[in-house]
Amino acid sequence: MLLDISVYCNLYCGFVLIQATVHLLRTEGVQLNDMPIPPVDKSKRPKGYVAKKPEEDPDWIEYW
């Protein structure tokens, strides 16, 4: 019987932690389940450099 209670407590505590994390993210303005926004590239590049669009970058396509 002790094992059953500990398993239940672990599941419940995990659920509460997830709910608290979601609440924290929402209070900080994070919109969940939206499309990702690529970061602004502030790095210095040589003249003539043309950045790839996120829609054409294989890494971002996989992330989306």
N, C-alpha and C. Protein backbone atom coordinates (compact mmCIF):
# COMPACT_ATOMS: atom_id res chain seq x y z
N MET A 1 0.82 -1.19 0.00
CA MET A 1 0.00 0.00 0.00
C MET A 1 0.86 1.26 0.00
N LEU A 2 2.01 1.23 0.64
CA LEU A 2 2.89 2.39 0.70
C LEU A 2 3.39 2.75 -0.69
N LEU A 3 3.68 1.76 -1.51
CA LEU A 3 4.16 2.01 -2.87
C LEU A 3 3.09 2.72 -3.69
N ASP A 4 1.85 2.32 -3.54
CA ASP A 4 0.76 2.96 -4.27
C ASP A 4 0.64 4.44 -3.92
N ILE A 5 0.78 4.77 -2.64
CA ILE A 5 0.67 6.16 -2.21
C ILE A 5 1.85 6.97 -2.76
N SER A 6 3.05 6.40 -2.74
CA SER A 6 4.22 7.14 -3.22
C SER A 6 4.13 7.37 -4.73
N VAL A 7 3.63 6.40 -5.48
CA VAL A 7 3.46 6.57 -6.92
C VAL A 7 2.44 7.67 -7.18
N TYR A 8 1.34 7.66 -6.46
CA TYR A 8 0.31 8.68 -6.61
C TYR A 8 0.89 10.06 -6.28
N CYS A 9 1.66 10.17 -5.21
CA CYS A 9 2.24 11.44 -4.80
C CYS A 9 3.21 11.95 -5.87
N ASN A 10 4.02 11.09 -6.43
CA ASN A 10 4.96 11.49 -7.47
C ASN A 10 4.22 12.00 -8.71
N LEU A 11 3.17 11.32 -9.11
CA LEU A 11 2.40 11.76 -10.27
C LEU A 11 1.72 13.09 -10.00
N TYR A 12 1.13 13.23 -8.82
CA TYR A 12 0.43 14.46 -8.48
C TYR A 12 1.41 15.63 -8.38
N CYS A 13 2.55 15.41 -7.73
CA CYS A 13 3.55 16.47 -7.58
C CYS A 13 4.10 16.88 -8.94
N GLY A 14 4.30 15.92 -9.83
CA GLY A 14 4.76 16.24 -11.18
C GLY A 14 3.74 17.08 -11.93
N PHE A 15 2.46 16.73 -11.79
CA PHE A 15 1.39 17.49 -12.44
C PHE A 15 1.35 18.92 -11.91
N VAL A 16 1.47 19.08 -10.61
CA VAL A 16 1.44 20.42 -10.00
C VAL A 16 2.63 21.23 -10.49
N LEU A 17 3.81 20.62 -10.59
CA LEU A 17 4.99 21.32 -11.07
C LEU A 17 4.82 21.77 -12.52
N ILE A 18 4.24 20.92 -13.35
CA ILE A 18 3.99 21.29 -14.75
C ILE A 18 3.00 22.44 -14.82
N GLN A 19 1.94 22.39 -14.04
CA GLN A 19 0.95 23.46 -14.04
C GLN A 19 1.57 24.78 -13.57
N ALA A 20 2.43 24.72 -12.57
CA ALA A 20 3.09 25.93 -12.07
C ALA A 20 4.02 26.50 -13.14
N THR A 21 4.71 25.65 -13.87
CA THR A 21 5.60 26.10 -14.94
C THR A 21 4.82 26.78 -16.04
N VAL A 22 3.71 26.18 -16.44
CA VAL A 22 2.86 26.78 -17.49
C VAL A 22 2.34 28.13 -17.02
N HIS A 23 1.91 28.22 -15.77
CA HIS A 23 1.41 29.48 -15.23
C HIS A 23 2.51 30.54 -15.24
N LEU A 24 3.72 30.18 -14.82
CA LEU A 24 4.84 31.12 -14.82
C LEU A 24 5.14 31.62 -16.23
N LEU A 25 5.18 30.71 -17.19
CA LEU A 25 5.45 31.11 -18.57
C LEU A 25 4.39 32.06 -19.09
N ARG A 26 3.13 31.79 -18.79
CA ARG A 26 2.04 32.67 -19.25
C ARG A 26 2.11 34.05 -18.59
N THR A 27 2.50 34.12 -17.30
CA THR A 27 2.62 35.42 -16.65
C THR A 27 3.77 36.22 -17.23
N GLU A 28 4.76 35.55 -17.83
CA GLU A 28 5.89 36.24 -18.46
C GLU A 28 5.61 36.55 -19.93
N GLY A 29 4.41 36.28 -20.39
CA GLY A 29 4.03 36.64 -21.74
C GLY A 29 4.35 35.60 -22.80
N VAL A 30 4.76 34.41 -22.40
CA VAL A 30 5.06 33.35 -23.37
C VAL A 30 3.75 32.78 -23.89
N GLN A 31 3.62 32.72 -25.20
CA GLN A 31 2.42 32.14 -25.80
C GLN A 31 2.76 30.72 -26.23
N LEU A 32 2.11 29.79 -25.60
CA LEU A 32 2.40 28.37 -25.85
C LEU A 32 1.68 27.89 -27.11
N ASN A 33 2.29 26.94 -27.79
CA ASN A 33 1.76 26.30 -28.99
C ASN A 33 1.64 27.25 -30.18
N ASP A 34 2.39 28.33 -30.19
CA ASP A 34 2.44 29.21 -31.34
C ASP A 34 3.65 28.86 -32.20
N MET A 35 3.70 29.43 -33.37
CA MET A 35 4.84 29.21 -34.24
C MET A 35 6.08 29.84 -33.60
N PRO A 36 7.24 29.21 -33.71
CA PRO A 36 8.45 29.79 -33.12
C PRO A 36 8.86 31.05 -33.87
N ILE A 37 9.44 31.98 -33.16
CA ILE A 37 9.93 33.22 -33.76
C ILE A 37 11.44 33.13 -33.81
N PRO A 38 12.02 33.20 -35.01
CA PRO A 38 13.48 33.13 -35.10
C PRO A 38 14.13 34.30 -34.37
N PRO A 39 15.27 34.06 -33.74
CA PRO A 39 15.95 35.15 -33.03
C PRO A 39 16.52 36.16 -34.02
N VAL A 40 16.69 37.39 -33.54
CA VAL A 40 17.28 38.44 -34.36
C VAL A 40 18.78 38.20 -34.42
N ASP A 41 19.32 38.17 -35.62
CA ASP A 41 20.75 37.91 -35.81
C ASP A 41 21.51 39.22 -35.62
N LYS A 42 22.26 39.33 -34.54
CA LYS A 42 23.02 40.54 -34.25
C LYS A 42 24.51 40.35 -34.52
N SER A 43 24.87 39.23 -35.11
CA SER A 43 26.29 38.98 -35.38
C SER A 43 26.77 39.81 -36.57
N LYS A 44 28.06 40.10 -36.59
CA LYS A 44 28.65 40.87 -37.67
C LYS A 44 29.00 39.93 -38.81
N ARG A 45 28.69 40.34 -40.01
CA ARG A 45 28.93 39.52 -41.20
C ARG A 45 29.75 40.31 -42.22
N PRO A 46 30.45 39.61 -43.09
CA PRO A 46 31.19 40.32 -44.14
C PRO A 46 30.24 40.96 -45.14
N LYS A 47 30.74 41.96 -45.87
CA LYS A 47 29.92 42.62 -46.89
C LYS A 47 29.49 41.60 -47.92
N GLY A 48 28.27 41.73 -48.38
CA GLY A 48 27.74 40.82 -49.39
C GLY A 48 27.07 39.58 -48.82
N TYR A 49 27.10 39.40 -47.51
CA TYR A 49 26.46 38.24 -46.90
C TYR A 49 24.95 38.36 -47.01
N VAL A 50 24.31 37.27 -47.44
CA VAL A 50 22.86 37.25 -47.54
C VAL A 50 22.35 36.16 -46.59
N ALA A 51 21.54 36.58 -45.64
CA ALA A 51 21.01 35.63 -44.65
C ALA A 51 19.93 34.76 -45.28
N LYS A 52 19.85 33.51 -44.82
CA LYS A 52 18.79 32.62 -45.27
C LYS A 52 17.49 32.99 -44.56
N LYS A 53 16.40 32.82 -45.24
CA LYS A 53 15.10 32.98 -44.59
C LYS A 53 14.85 31.75 -43.73
N PRO A 54 14.25 31.91 -42.56
CA PRO A 54 13.99 30.75 -41.71
C PRO A 54 13.16 29.67 -42.42
N GLU A 55 12.28 30.09 -43.32
CA GLU A 55 11.44 29.12 -44.02
C GLU A 55 12.25 28.23 -44.96
N GLU A 56 13.46 28.70 -45.33
CA GLU A 56 14.30 27.94 -46.25
C GLU A 56 15.46 27.24 -45.54
N ASP A 57 15.66 27.51 -44.28
CA ASP A 57 16.75 26.93 -43.51
C ASP A 57 16.33 25.55 -42.99
N PRO A 58 17.06 24.48 -43.34
CA PRO A 58 16.65 23.13 -42.93
C PRO A 58 16.55 22.97 -41.42
N ASP A 59 17.41 23.66 -40.67
CA ASP A 59 17.34 23.54 -39.20
C ASP A 59 16.02 24.10 -38.66
N TRP A 60 15.60 25.24 -39.20
CA TRP A 60 14.33 25.82 -38.74
C TRP A 60 13.14 25.02 -39.24
N ILE A 61 13.23 24.47 -40.44
CA ILE A 61 12.13 23.65 -40.96
C ILE A 61 11.91 22.46 -40.04
N GLU A 62 13.01 21.84 -39.59
CA GLU A 62 12.89 20.70 -38.68
C GLU A 62 12.31 21.15 -37.34
N TYR A 63 12.71 22.33 -36.87
CA TYR A 63 12.23 22.84 -35.59
C TYR A 63 10.74 23.15 -35.65
N TRP A 64 10.28 23.69 -36.79
CA TRP A 64 8.88 24.01 -36.93
C TRP A 64 8.11 22.75 -36.91
